[in-house]
Protein backbone atom coordinates (compact mmCIF):
# COMPACT_ATOMS: atom_id res chain seq x y z
CA MET A 1 -38.47 31.30 84.84
CA LYS A 2 -38.96 34.43 86.95
CA PRO A 3 -41.51 36.89 85.51
CA ARG A 4 -38.95 39.75 85.27
CA ILE A 5 -36.50 37.59 83.34
CA ALA A 6 -39.26 36.41 81.02
CA ALA A 7 -40.34 40.00 80.37
CA LEU A 8 -36.80 41.11 79.57
CA LEU A 9 -36.22 38.18 77.23
CA SER A 10 -39.49 38.94 75.48
CA LEU A 11 -38.32 42.51 74.93
CA PHE A 12 -35.01 41.19 73.60
CA VAL A 13 -36.80 38.92 71.12
CA ALA A 14 -39.01 41.81 70.05
CA LEU A 15 -36.00 43.98 69.31
CA ALA A 16 -34.03 41.32 67.47
CA PRO A 17 -35.94 41.41 64.12
CA ALA A 18 -35.14 45.09 63.79
CA ALA A 19 -31.42 44.46 63.61
CA PRO A 20 -31.16 43.94 59.80
CA VAL A 21 -32.99 47.19 59.17
CA LEU A 22 -31.01 49.13 61.74
CA ALA A 23 -27.76 47.80 60.31
CA GLN A 24 -28.19 50.41 57.61
CA ASP A 25 -27.97 53.14 60.21
CA GLY A 26 -24.81 52.99 62.37
CA ALA A 27 -26.17 55.32 65.05
CA LYS A 28 -29.38 53.30 65.55
CA LEU A 29 -27.46 50.05 65.54
CA GLY A 30 -25.18 51.42 68.27
CA GLU A 31 -28.25 52.36 70.32
CA LEU A 32 -29.65 48.83 69.90
CA GLU A 33 -26.34 47.35 71.07
CA ARG A 34 -26.42 49.60 74.14
CA LYS A 35 -29.97 48.48 75.00
CA VAL A 36 -29.02 44.83 74.59
CA ASP A 37 -26.05 45.38 76.95
CA VAL A 38 -28.35 47.00 79.52
CA LEU A 39 -30.83 44.15 79.26
CA THR A 40 -28.06 41.58 79.66
CA GLN A 41 -26.74 43.31 82.78
CA GLU A 42 -30.24 43.51 84.25
CA ILE A 43 -30.78 39.79 83.67
CA GLU A 44 -27.48 39.03 85.41
CA LYS A 45 -28.48 41.16 88.38
CA ILE A 46 -31.82 39.37 88.68
CA LYS A 47 -30.11 35.98 88.48
CA LEU A 48 -27.58 36.96 91.15
CA GLY A 49 -30.25 38.43 93.40
CA GLU A 50 -29.08 40.18 96.53
CA SER A 51 -25.47 39.05 96.05
CA ALA A 52 -25.07 41.47 93.13
CA GLU A 53 -23.07 44.60 93.96
CA ALA A 54 -23.13 47.89 92.10
CA PRO A 55 -20.00 48.56 89.99
CA ALA A 56 -17.71 51.46 90.85
CA GLU A 57 -19.34 53.96 88.50
CA LYS A 58 -21.23 56.54 90.58
CA SER A 59 -20.10 59.08 93.17
CA VAL A 60 -21.96 60.21 96.26
CA SER A 61 -21.33 62.61 99.15
CA GLY A 62 -18.21 63.98 97.45
CA PHE A 63 -16.42 60.64 97.22
CA ALA A 64 -14.98 58.83 94.21
CA PRO A 65 -16.83 55.86 92.67
CA ALA A 66 -15.05 53.01 94.49
CA SER A 67 -15.35 54.79 97.84
CA SER A 68 -19.06 55.33 97.19
CA LYS A 69 -20.02 51.69 96.59
CA VAL A 70 -21.29 51.09 100.12
CA TYR A 71 -23.91 53.81 99.64
CA PHE A 72 -25.54 51.74 96.88
CA ALA A 73 -25.34 48.43 98.76
CA LYS A 74 -28.38 46.63 100.13
CA SER A 75 -29.04 46.64 103.86
CA SER A 76 -27.06 44.18 105.99
CA LYS A 77 -24.51 43.71 103.21
CA VAL A 78 -20.74 44.10 103.05
CA SER A 79 -19.35 46.27 100.26
CA LEU A 80 -15.86 45.72 98.81
CA GLY A 81 -13.99 48.02 96.46
CA GLY A 82 -10.54 49.37 95.85
CA TYR A 83 -7.96 50.94 93.60
CA GLY A 84 -4.25 50.85 92.86
CA GLU A 85 -1.52 52.26 90.67
CA PHE A 86 1.86 51.28 89.32
CA THR A 87 4.16 54.12 88.21
CA VAL A 88 7.43 54.71 86.39
CA THR A 89 9.25 58.03 86.73
CA ALA A 90 12.20 59.20 84.63
CA PRO A 91 13.67 62.49 85.92
CA SER A 92 16.06 64.59 83.88
CA LYS A 93 19.77 64.18 84.49
CA ARG A 94 20.11 67.96 84.77
CA LYS A 95 18.53 70.73 86.83
CA GLN A 96 17.38 74.02 85.35
CA ASN A 97 20.79 75.54 86.00
CA GLY A 98 22.60 72.67 84.29
CA ASP A 99 23.90 71.01 87.45
CA PRO A 100 23.53 67.22 87.77
CA SER A 101 20.21 66.28 89.35
CA GLY A 102 21.49 63.04 90.90
CA LEU A 103 18.05 61.48 90.41
CA LYS A 104 17.43 58.02 88.93
CA LYS A 105 14.61 56.34 87.05
CA GLN A 106 12.24 54.42 89.33
CA ALA A 107 9.40 51.92 89.08
CA ASP A 108 7.01 51.74 92.01
CA LEU A 109 3.90 49.88 93.08
CA ARG A 110 2.77 53.18 94.49
CA ARG A 111 -0.34 52.01 96.26
CA VAL A 112 -2.87 49.21 96.60
CA VAL A 113 -6.04 50.24 98.40
CA VAL A 114 -9.04 48.30 99.68
CA TYR A 115 -12.40 49.82 100.58
CA VAL A 116 -14.47 47.80 103.06
CA GLY A 117 -17.91 49.00 104.06
CA TYR A 118 -21.05 47.68 105.68
CA LYS A 119 -24.56 49.03 105.28
CA PHE A 120 -26.53 48.25 108.44
CA ASN A 121 -29.77 49.70 107.12
CA ASP A 122 -31.01 52.76 105.23
CA ARG A 123 -29.81 55.09 107.99
CA PHE A 124 -26.52 53.63 109.28
CA LEU A 125 -23.39 52.58 107.39
CA PHE A 126 -19.67 52.13 107.95
CA ASN A 127 -16.99 52.88 105.36
CA SER A 128 -13.22 52.43 105.45
CA GLU A 129 -10.17 52.79 103.23
CA ILE A 130 -6.97 50.82 103.91
CA GLU A 131 -3.87 51.69 101.90
CA PHE A 132 -0.67 49.73 101.26
CA GLU A 133 2.01 52.06 99.89
CA HIS A 134 5.19 51.19 97.97
CA ALA A 135 4.66 47.41 98.15
CA GLY A 136 5.29 47.01 101.87
CA SER A 137 6.08 48.54 105.25
CA GLY A 138 9.67 47.27 105.63
CA GLU A 139 11.29 45.02 108.17
CA GLY A 140 13.32 45.98 111.21
CA GLY A 141 15.11 49.25 110.53
CA GLU A 142 14.27 49.13 106.82
CA VAL A 143 11.47 51.42 105.75
CA ARG A 144 9.95 51.01 102.29
CA GLY A 145 6.33 52.01 102.54
CA GLU A 146 3.48 51.99 104.98
CA VAL A 147 0.11 50.50 105.74
CA ALA A 148 -2.37 53.16 106.76
CA VAL A 149 -6.08 53.71 107.32
CA GLU A 150 -7.16 56.67 105.20
CA GLN A 151 -10.83 56.65 106.15
CA ALA A 152 -12.90 54.89 108.81
CA TYR A 153 -16.20 56.48 109.72
CA LEU A 154 -19.85 55.89 110.57
CA ASP A 155 -22.69 57.68 108.79
CA TYR A 156 -26.16 58.30 110.17
CA LYS A 157 -28.70 59.58 107.66
CA ALA A 158 -30.92 61.67 109.92
CA HIS A 159 -32.97 63.17 107.10
CA GLU A 160 -33.11 63.22 103.32
CA ASN A 161 -31.02 66.42 103.29
CA ILE A 162 -28.71 65.89 106.24
CA GLY A 163 -26.45 63.17 107.62
CA VAL A 164 -24.08 62.90 110.55
CA ARG A 165 -20.55 61.50 110.09
CA ALA A 166 -17.94 60.62 112.74
CA GLY A 167 -14.56 58.88 112.75
CA LEU A 168 -11.44 59.31 110.63
CA VAL A 169 -12.72 61.64 107.92
CA ILE A 170 -11.15 63.34 104.92
CA VAL A 171 -10.77 67.11 105.13
CA PRO A 172 -13.28 68.37 102.51
CA LEU A 173 -11.04 70.79 100.61
CA GLY A 174 -10.00 70.80 96.97
CA LEU A 175 -10.82 68.66 93.94
CA VAL A 176 -8.51 65.72 94.63
CA ASN A 177 -8.37 65.29 98.41
CA GLU A 178 -11.71 63.47 98.60
CA VAL A 179 -11.74 62.15 95.02
CA HIS A 180 -8.17 60.83 95.00
CA GLU A 181 -8.61 57.58 93.06
CA PRO A 182 -6.08 57.60 90.19
CA THR A 183 -8.69 57.02 87.48
CA ALA A 184 -10.49 60.20 88.58
CA PHE A 185 -7.79 62.71 87.60
CA HIS A 186 -5.41 63.29 84.70
CA GLY A 187 -1.67 62.91 85.15
CA VAL A 188 0.31 60.16 86.85
CA ASN A 189 0.90 62.45 89.84
CA ARG A 190 -1.76 64.37 91.69
CA PRO A 191 -1.57 68.13 91.07
CA SER A 192 1.28 69.56 93.14
CA VAL A 193 -0.97 72.32 94.48
CA GLU A 194 -3.13 69.56 95.97
CA GLN A 195 -0.11 67.97 97.60
CA TRP A 196 1.84 70.91 99.06
CA ILE A 197 -0.77 73.65 99.54
CA ILE A 198 -3.76 71.40 100.23
CA PRO A 199 -2.13 68.24 101.62
CA SER A 200 -3.27 64.91 100.21
CA THR A 201 -4.65 62.60 101.42
CA TRP A 202 -5.49 64.86 104.40
CA ARG A 203 -7.59 63.17 107.05
CA GLU A 204 -8.18 63.68 110.76
CA ASN A 205 -10.37 62.33 113.55
CA GLY A 206 -13.56 64.35 113.71
CA ALA A 207 -17.31 64.58 113.34
CA GLY A 208 -19.80 66.70 111.47
CA VAL A 209 -22.67 66.90 109.02
CA PHE A 210 -23.08 66.36 105.29
CA GLY A 211 -25.87 66.37 102.77
CA ASP A 212 -27.48 67.66 99.59
CA ILE A 213 -30.19 70.27 99.14
CA GLY A 214 -31.19 70.36 95.50
CA PRO A 215 -28.13 71.33 93.43
CA VAL A 216 -26.14 72.22 96.58
CA SER A 217 -23.97 69.75 98.49
CA TYR A 218 -22.16 70.46 101.74
CA ARG A 219 -19.83 68.94 104.35
CA SER A 220 -18.82 70.50 107.66
CA TYR A 221 -16.65 68.86 110.33
CA VAL A 222 -15.05 69.68 113.66
CA MET A 223 -11.76 67.78 113.86
CA ALA A 224 -8.38 67.50 115.53
CA GLY A 225 -6.08 70.39 114.68
CA LEU A 226 -2.68 70.15 113.00
CA HIS A 227 0.69 70.13 114.77
CA GLY A 228 2.78 73.14 113.82
CA LYS A 229 5.80 71.87 115.76
CA ASN A 230 7.44 68.49 115.16
CA THR A 231 6.51 65.89 117.78
CA ALA A 232 7.43 62.30 118.60
CA ASP A 233 3.93 61.14 119.59
CA PRO A 234 2.06 61.56 117.38
CA LYS A 235 4.95 61.46 114.89
CA THR A 236 4.80 64.67 112.91
CA ASP A 237 7.37 66.85 111.14
CA GLY A 238 5.38 70.00 111.82
CA PHE A 239 5.15 72.93 109.43
CA THR A 240 8.16 73.64 107.17
CA GLY A 241 9.15 75.99 104.40
CA LEU A 242 9.20 73.27 101.74
CA LYS A 243 5.97 71.46 102.60
CA ALA A 244 3.98 74.25 104.32
CA ILE A 245 1.38 72.55 106.57
CA ARG A 246 1.66 69.02 105.12
CA GLY A 247 3.97 67.76 107.87
CA GLY A 248 1.51 68.81 110.57
CA ARG A 249 -0.92 65.95 109.85
CA THR A 250 -1.33 63.17 112.43
CA GLU A 251 -3.32 60.94 110.03
CA GLY A 252 -5.50 59.74 112.88
CA THR A 253 -2.70 58.39 115.09
CA ASN A 254 -2.85 59.50 118.75
CA THR A 255 -4.17 62.86 117.66
CA SER A 256 -3.93 65.70 120.14
CA ILE A 257 -7.13 67.67 120.57
CA GLU A 258 -5.78 70.49 122.71
CA ASP A 259 -6.54 72.52 119.60
CA LEU A 260 -9.45 71.79 117.27
CA ALA A 261 -10.21 72.90 113.74
CA TRP A 262 -13.28 73.46 111.61
CA ALA A 263 -13.37 72.44 107.95
CA SER A 264 -16.28 72.98 105.58
CA ARG A 265 -17.12 73.15 101.91
CA VAL A 266 -20.10 73.95 99.72
CA ASP A 267 -20.57 72.97 96.06
CA VAL A 268 -23.28 73.88 93.63
CA SER A 269 -24.09 72.16 90.33
CA PRO A 270 -26.49 74.47 88.48
CA VAL A 271 -26.53 72.26 85.39
CA GLN A 272 -25.26 68.77 84.62
CA GLY A 273 -21.50 68.71 84.10
CA VAL A 274 -20.80 72.00 85.88
CA LYS A 275 -19.71 72.40 89.51
CA ALA A 276 -18.34 75.31 91.49
CA GLY A 277 -17.56 75.57 95.16
CA ALA A 278 -15.32 76.68 97.99
CA GLY A 279 -13.76 75.23 101.13
CA LEU A 280 -12.51 76.75 104.39
CA TYR A 281 -10.28 75.41 107.16
CA ILE A 282 -9.79 77.36 110.42
CA GLY A 283 -7.95 76.14 113.49
CA GLN A 284 -5.07 76.38 115.94
CA ALA A 285 -1.88 74.32 115.47
CA ASP A 286 0.20 74.74 118.63
CA GLN A 287 -1.46 71.82 120.51
CA GLY A 288 0.07 73.00 123.78
CA ASP A 289 3.63 72.48 122.47
CA LEU A 290 4.37 76.21 122.17
CA THR A 291 3.88 79.22 124.40
CA ALA A 292 2.55 81.18 121.40
CA SER A 293 -0.64 80.23 119.62
CA VAL A 294 -0.42 79.21 115.96
CA PRO A 295 -3.66 80.20 114.20
CA LEU A 296 -4.08 78.70 110.74
CA THR A 297 -6.49 79.66 107.99
CA LEU A 298 -6.69 77.92 104.61
CA TRP A 299 -9.31 78.59 101.99
CA GLU A 300 -9.84 77.43 98.44
CA THR A 301 -12.23 77.88 95.55
CA HIS A 302 -12.67 75.53 92.61
CA ALA A 303 -14.71 74.88 89.49
CA THR A 304 -15.12 72.09 86.96
CA ALA A 305 -17.00 71.88 83.68
CA GLU A 306 -17.61 69.01 81.27
CA TYR A 307 -19.32 69.17 77.90
CA ARG A 308 -19.26 66.22 75.57
CA GLY A 309 -15.57 65.35 75.32
CA ALA A 310 -14.17 68.57 76.77
CA SER A 311 -13.37 69.15 80.44
CA LEU A 312 -11.96 72.09 82.38
CA LYS A 313 -10.73 72.34 85.98
CA ALA A 314 -9.46 75.24 88.03
CA LEU A 315 -8.52 75.70 91.68
CA TYR A 316 -6.95 78.41 93.80
CA ALA A 317 -5.95 78.06 97.47
CA ALA A 318 -4.25 80.36 99.98
CA GLY A 319 -3.33 80.09 103.63
CA SER A 320 -1.86 82.06 106.50
CA ILE A 321 -0.01 80.96 109.66
CA GLY A 322 0.10 83.21 112.70
CA ASN A 323 3.21 83.64 114.86
CA ALA A 324 5.30 82.02 112.12
CA ASP A 325 8.44 83.58 113.64
CA SER A 326 7.98 81.80 117.00
CA LEU A 327 7.10 78.57 115.22
CA SER A 328 10.15 78.82 112.95
CA LEU A 329 12.44 79.17 115.96
CA ALA A 330 10.74 76.18 117.61
CA GLN A 331 11.34 74.21 114.41
CA GLY A 332 15.06 75.02 114.60
CA ALA A 333 15.25 77.73 111.95
CA ALA A 334 17.94 80.39 112.20
CA ALA A 335 17.11 84.03 111.59
CA GLY A 336 19.28 85.93 109.13
CA PRO A 337 19.92 86.41 105.40
CA ALA A 338 20.50 82.71 104.65
CA ALA A 339 17.53 80.56 103.66
CA ASP A 340 16.66 77.82 106.15
CA ALA A 341 14.49 74.81 105.32
CA ALA A 342 12.86 75.00 108.77
CA THR A 343 11.56 78.55 108.23
CA VAL A 344 7.77 78.47 108.15
CA GLY A 345 6.05 80.72 105.64
CA SER A 346 3.46 83.05 107.15
CA ARG A 347 1.66 83.06 103.79
CA PHE A 348 1.39 80.33 101.15
CA PHE A 349 -0.71 79.94 98.02
CA GLY A 350 -1.22 77.86 94.90
CA GLY A 351 -3.46 77.43 91.92
CA TYR A 352 -3.83 75.44 88.73
CA ALA A 353 -5.88 75.22 85.58
CA GLU A 354 -6.33 72.11 83.46
CA ALA A 355 -7.94 71.35 80.11
CA ALA A 356 -8.59 67.95 78.52
CA TYR A 357 -10.50 66.53 75.57
CA ASP A 358 -11.63 62.96 75.03
CA VAL A 359 -11.00 62.34 71.33
CA MET A 360 -12.91 59.05 71.51
CA THR A 361 -16.14 61.06 71.57
CA LEU A 362 -15.43 61.75 67.89
CA VAL A 363 -15.26 58.03 67.08
CA ARG A 364 -18.29 55.76 66.83
CA ASN A 365 -18.67 52.45 68.65
CA THR A 366 -15.78 52.92 71.07
CA LYS A 367 -17.79 51.17 73.82
CA GLY A 368 -16.72 53.18 76.84
CA GLN A 369 -13.14 53.85 75.79
CA ALA A 370 -11.59 57.26 76.40
CA LEU A 371 -8.40 58.90 75.16
CA SER A 372 -7.89 62.32 76.72
CA PRO A 373 -4.88 64.52 75.92
CA PHE A 374 -4.56 67.16 78.66
CA PHE A 375 -2.51 70.14 79.76
CA ARG A 376 -2.15 71.50 83.30
CA TYR A 377 -0.50 74.71 84.52
CA GLU A 378 0.39 75.15 88.21
CA ARG A 379 1.81 78.05 90.20
CA TYR A 380 2.46 77.73 93.94
CA ASP A 381 4.68 79.05 96.71
CA THR A 382 4.96 77.49 100.18
CA GLN A 383 6.87 80.55 101.43
CA ALA A 384 5.03 83.37 99.73
CA LYS A 385 5.85 85.47 102.80
CA THR A 386 8.21 84.74 105.66
CA PRO A 387 8.60 86.41 109.10
CA GLY A 388 10.66 89.60 108.91
CA ALA A 389 13.90 88.20 110.37
CA PHE A 390 13.87 85.03 108.27
CA ALA A 391 14.96 84.60 104.66
CA LYS A 392 12.86 83.05 101.91
CA ASP A 393 14.09 80.05 99.92
CA ARG A 394 13.57 80.93 96.25
CA ALA A 395 13.30 77.21 95.39
CA ASN A 396 9.89 77.15 97.09
CA SER A 397 8.39 79.49 94.48
CA ARG A 398 7.46 77.06 91.74
CA VAL A 399 5.80 76.76 88.33
CA GLU A 400 4.92 73.44 86.71
CA TYR A 401 3.60 72.43 83.31
CA THR A 402 2.20 68.95 82.70
CA LEU A 403 1.37 67.68 79.21
CA GLY A 404 0.12 64.16 78.64
CA ALA A 405 -2.73 61.79 77.90
CA THR A 406 -4.99 59.35 79.74
CA TYR A 407 -6.29 56.27 77.94
CA LYS A 408 -9.14 54.23 79.40
CA PRO A 409 -9.93 50.95 77.59
CA ILE A 410 -12.78 50.64 80.11
CA PRO A 411 -13.90 53.25 82.67
CA GLN A 412 -12.24 51.38 85.56
CA VAL A 413 -8.74 51.12 84.04
CA ALA A 414 -6.41 53.97 83.04
CA VAL A 415 -3.03 54.12 81.31
CA LYS A 416 -1.31 57.49 81.76
CA LEU A 417 1.72 59.12 80.17
CA ASP A 418 2.93 62.67 80.76
CA GLN A 419 5.89 65.03 80.72
CA GLN A 420 6.36 67.52 83.56
CA TRP A 421 8.43 70.70 83.39
CA LYS A 422 9.25 71.76 86.96
CA LEU A 423 10.70 75.24 87.40
CA ASN A 424 11.53 77.39 90.41
CA GLN A 425 13.09 80.78 91.10
CA ALA A 426 16.34 79.19 92.36
CA ARG A 427 16.65 77.34 89.02
CA THR A 428 17.00 73.96 90.73
CA GLY A 429 13.88 72.36 89.24
CA VAL A 430 14.08 68.94 87.56
CA ASN A 431 11.83 67.89 84.67
CA GLN A 432 10.52 64.32 84.44
CA TRP A 433 8.55 61.79 82.43
CA ASN A 434 5.84 59.72 84.13
CA LEU A 435 4.05 56.52 83.15
CA GLY A 436 1.20 55.03 85.16
CA LEU A 437 -1.23 52.12 85.19
CA ALA A 438 -4.27 52.53 87.44
CA TYR A 439 -7.50 50.70 88.25
CA ILE A 440 -10.58 50.88 90.47
CA PHE A 441 -13.20 48.27 91.30
């Protein structure tokens, strides 16, 4: 028997006689059970040797647990992780104004994702994320979903406090863009502000630096700029009134680099459970397709706090697009008093606040379970300001309320249920129920 295993078993035997006494004290018995679980896991790791892989429990470099697994792998080892979610949506039959919504209930295998990484040594590693959306990519002219690479990059750890990253990287803005695994946030759907104001999952080809200095973490990349105008290759919809800059992403496919962008963020965690930070994106988005330049600026600030079972989140983001009138015309918008979906907003903004409480923290011996009722408020407008000759679509000024709960029987599995009230100034919003089942590994 290996010496480490023998030592652990000896400790186990030493603790065992105390069990009858501790049985009189529930708290101490629970602590003994936890220690036994830790010892059992350690023995299993020793028995497995180098083939053992760390579970998806810890985050590093701003990524979610499953995406971070390669950072804890041994040298010259492959790391495998992933996540997925199945959702059911039930929209209301009526809009705010009482008109029929025309929407139907749907069930969807929304995504199945695989992380594959390889740690060459303590300085070099590769990490990738491959996503299968909506159960397939279709056949022939039928389009159902897509298969896409969401990350694929190389890291070089030059120093304890600084690393270099290059490849297809995630734009480091917001709370969800980098940490987008469905077990990491409340609600079946990602916050709308982090879909339409800060696009998700927003990634581009680029390179930059990352690291941690004490309680401060940072990421800063130079990357391909967005496409303000719709293009055939790469296939982009360009900027629009409904989706703001979301349609300008190339997602790493044949990206034009006539215009570059710079994206950075800084976070500080002064005490455990508290984080605050800000992100900034600056770039041009004409890519040589327009005679006028299209400068884009997007900034955001965010904060999170956790204490025992309570958690709070807040984020605010705002952006501006230069020469939005020229871009709107290039997108096919018509000037005048009538709203046009192609009109690009010269200003857009959004923010949300969320509160949750894990009631399982009030119950003894729940063994990693969590049940967290939550409430989220969102306010956003993708056309907060339009060029002078173009009309605003009041439907793009929106407010949303989401009330629901997340249940985790184990940390890697989540069952979600929520109700969303979706309102807008044109009174065409449609409320909906959502049910989700999610996992990571």
